[in-house]
Protein backbone atom coordinates (compact mmCIF):
# COMPACT_ATOMS: atom_id res chain seq x y z
CA MET A 1 -95.15 52.92 17.49
CA ILE A 2 -92.47 54.74 15.49
CA ARG A 3 -94.09 53.74 12.19
CA LYS A 4 -97.46 55.18 13.29
CA ASN A 5 -95.77 58.44 14.22
CA VAL A 6 -94.04 58.61 10.84
CA VAL A 7 -97.34 58.00 9.04
CA HIS A 8 -99.12 60.65 11.14
CA ALA A 9 -96.26 63.11 10.59
CA GLY A 10 -96.40 62.47 6.83
CA ALA A 11 -100.15 63.08 6.79
CA LEU A 12 -99.66 66.29 8.80
CA ILE A 13 -97.07 67.52 6.30
CA LEU A 14 -99.47 66.81 3.42
CA VAL A 15 -102.25 68.70 5.18
CA LEU A 16 -99.95 71.64 5.90
CA LEU A 17 -98.95 71.70 2.23
CA GLY A 18 -102.61 71.75 1.24
CA ALA A 19 -102.68 68.19 -0.10
CA SER A 20 -105.51 65.82 0.61
CA VAL A 21 -104.89 62.59 2.51
CA ALA A 22 -108.23 61.10 1.46
CA PRO A 23 -108.21 58.29 -1.12
CA ALA A 24 -108.66 59.25 -4.74
CA PRO A 25 -112.32 59.35 -5.79
CA ALA A 26 -113.69 56.36 -7.65
CA ALA A 27 -113.50 56.71 -11.40
CA ASP A 28 -116.42 56.24 -13.74
CA LEU A 29 -116.46 52.46 -14.26
CA ALA A 30 -116.74 52.81 -18.04
CA SER A 31 -113.47 54.77 -18.17
CA GLN A 32 -111.59 52.68 -15.60
CA ALA A 33 -108.60 50.66 -16.74
CA VAL A 34 -106.37 48.06 -15.12
CA ALA A 35 -102.68 48.53 -15.97
CA ILE A 36 -100.68 45.31 -16.38
CA THR A 37 -96.99 46.16 -15.89
CA GLY A 38 -93.69 44.67 -14.82
CA ALA A 39 -92.26 41.43 -16.21
CA VAL A 40 -94.61 41.18 -19.19
CA ALA A 41 -93.96 41.15 -22.94
CA HIS A 42 -97.10 43.21 -23.62
CA PRO A 43 -97.76 45.84 -20.96
CA GLN A 44 -101.36 46.93 -21.32
CA SER A 45 -104.23 48.84 -19.89
CA LEU A 46 -107.47 46.85 -19.89
CA THR A 47 -110.76 48.73 -19.85
CA LEU A 48 -114.13 47.32 -18.89
CA ASP A 49 -114.88 46.91 -22.63
CA ASP A 50 -111.63 44.96 -23.08
CA LEU A 51 -112.57 42.61 -20.23
CA HIS A 52 -116.04 42.05 -21.72
CA LYS A 53 -114.37 40.83 -24.96
CA LEU A 54 -112.52 38.05 -23.12
CA PRO A 55 -114.07 34.73 -22.07
CA SER A 56 -115.87 35.24 -18.77
CA THR A 57 -116.65 32.96 -15.89
CA THR A 58 -118.99 33.20 -12.90
CA VAL A 59 -117.88 32.15 -9.43
CA GLN A 60 -119.77 31.76 -6.17
CA VAL A 61 -118.27 33.25 -3.02
CA SER A 62 -119.05 33.04 0.65
CA PHE A 63 -116.62 34.68 3.04
CA LEU A 64 -116.34 36.85 6.10
CA THR A 65 -115.66 40.56 5.89
CA ASP A 66 -115.01 43.13 8.59
CA LYS A 67 -118.70 44.02 8.24
CA GLY A 68 -120.01 40.45 8.46
CA PRO A 69 -120.57 37.51 6.09
CA MET A 70 -120.89 38.03 2.34
CA THR A 71 -122.36 35.58 -0.15
CA GLY A 72 -122.90 36.10 -3.85
CA SER A 73 -121.82 35.43 -7.38
CA PHE A 74 -119.32 37.41 -9.43
CA THR A 75 -118.69 37.37 -13.16
CA GLY A 76 -115.40 38.36 -14.74
CA VAL A 77 -112.26 37.19 -16.48
CA LEU A 78 -109.82 34.70 -14.99
CA LEU A 79 -106.72 36.49 -13.75
CA SER A 80 -104.62 33.71 -15.28
CA GLN A 81 -106.13 34.55 -18.72
CA VAL A 82 -105.37 38.26 -18.37
CA LEU A 83 -101.77 37.50 -17.35
CA SER A 84 -101.36 34.98 -20.16
CA ASN A 85 -102.47 37.60 -22.68
CA ALA A 86 -99.89 40.05 -21.29
CA GLY A 87 -97.13 37.47 -21.84
CA VAL A 88 -95.50 37.03 -18.44
CA ILE A 89 -91.72 36.85 -18.90
CA ASP A 90 -89.91 34.07 -17.04
CA ALA A 91 -86.35 34.35 -15.77
CA PRO A 92 -84.02 31.48 -16.68
CA GLY A 93 -84.15 28.37 -14.53
CA LYS A 94 -86.22 25.33 -13.74
CA ASN A 95 -89.91 26.12 -13.14
CA ALA A 96 -89.08 29.85 -13.23
CA TYR A 97 -92.73 30.69 -13.92
CA LEU A 98 -93.56 29.56 -10.38
CA ARG A 99 -91.49 32.44 -8.99
CA HIS A 100 -93.89 35.10 -10.25
CA VAL A 101 -95.73 37.26 -7.77
CA TYR A 102 -98.60 39.53 -8.79
CA MET A 103 -99.21 42.71 -6.81
CA VAL A 104 -102.85 43.72 -7.30
CA SER A 105 -103.57 47.34 -6.31
CA GLY A 106 -106.83 49.15 -5.70
CA ARG A 107 -107.44 52.86 -6.28
CA ASP A 108 -107.46 53.40 -2.49
CA GLY A 109 -103.89 52.06 -2.16
CA TYR A 110 -104.90 48.60 -0.91
CA VAL A 111 -102.53 45.95 -2.29
CA VAL A 112 -102.52 42.15 -2.14
CA ALA A 113 -100.04 39.64 -3.50
CA LEU A 114 -100.82 36.43 -5.36
CA SER A 115 -98.36 33.83 -6.60
CA GLN A 116 -98.32 31.97 -9.89
CA GLY A 117 -98.70 28.68 -8.03
CA GLU A 118 -101.97 29.86 -6.49
CA ILE A 119 -103.68 30.65 -9.80
CA ASP A 120 -102.06 28.04 -12.06
CA SER A 121 -104.52 25.19 -12.77
CA ARG A 122 -101.66 22.67 -12.42
CA TYR A 123 -101.03 23.72 -8.81
CA GLY A 124 -103.40 25.70 -6.54
CA GLY A 125 -105.85 26.35 -9.35
CA GLU A 126 -107.63 29.21 -7.59
CA MET A 127 -110.13 30.75 -9.98
CA ALA A 128 -109.17 34.34 -9.18
CA ILE A 129 -111.13 36.68 -11.43
CA LEU A 130 -111.23 40.35 -12.32
CA ALA A 131 -114.96 40.78 -11.78
CA PHE A 132 -117.08 43.33 -13.58
CA ALA A 133 -120.47 42.08 -12.33
CA GLY A 134 -121.87 40.88 -9.04
CA ASP A 135 -125.12 38.97 -8.60
CA GLY A 136 -125.97 39.61 -12.25
CA LYS A 137 -125.52 43.40 -12.09
CA THR A 138 -122.62 45.53 -13.30
CA LEU A 139 -120.52 46.58 -10.33
CA ASP A 140 -120.88 50.25 -9.47
CA ALA A 141 -118.08 52.78 -9.73
CA GLY A 142 -117.32 52.40 -6.00
CA ASP A 143 -116.44 48.73 -6.51
CA GLY A 144 -114.95 49.17 -9.95
CA ILE A 145 -113.29 46.13 -11.43
CA ARG A 146 -112.80 43.80 -8.48
CA LEU A 147 -110.39 40.97 -7.71
CA VAL A 148 -112.44 38.05 -6.38
CA ILE A 149 -110.94 34.80 -5.11
CA PRO A 150 -113.52 32.09 -4.42
CA GLY A 151 -112.55 29.72 -1.65
CA ASP A 152 -111.07 32.41 0.60
CA LYS A 153 -112.55 32.21 4.09
CA HIS A 154 -112.09 35.95 4.57
CA GLY A 155 -112.56 38.63 1.92
CA GLY A 156 -109.26 40.39 2.62
CA ARG A 157 -107.95 39.61 -0.87
CA ALA A 158 -111.10 40.86 -2.61
CA VAL A 159 -109.58 44.10 -3.89
CA ARG A 160 -112.13 46.72 -4.95
CA ASP A 161 -111.54 49.18 -7.78
CA VAL A 162 -108.44 47.41 -9.16
CA ILE A 163 -106.20 49.83 -11.07
CA SER A 164 -103.00 47.85 -11.55
CA ILE A 165 -101.36 44.46 -11.53
CA GLU A 166 -97.59 44.52 -11.30
CA VAL A 167 -95.84 41.31 -12.36
CA HIS A 168 -92.66 40.37 -10.47
């Protein structure tokens, strides 16, 4: 209850100051970039063109959403490949790479967390991808580059319009 009041009070202050509380508008997909930051040797900003230059894969999904069931295919780059290219930096210690957590953020502020063990082929092996196409068509600017995780029963981790991945 207190948290809701704090959020509402913060929104009221923004409105009184003339700021908008609406999410940022979707960017033109061609100019969109996904920032890879945090514990990486090579922080980078990957554009749609950059993703198209990497090996792609197509996955089939079927999951529930708040608006009903969704089934389709998505094409993109494995998240594990993108993170490998950025050079994730491990802390000292046995199996330190398994401690990594990846915070994937959408333009609207939606954030999900994935662990290294989930996407590593030696463990969970989830084929999480940064998708740039769905059902054979380029995703529109409203979807942007999208995190897709086949095998999820609910689409809550399917982040639309991904703008950053922070490596912890």
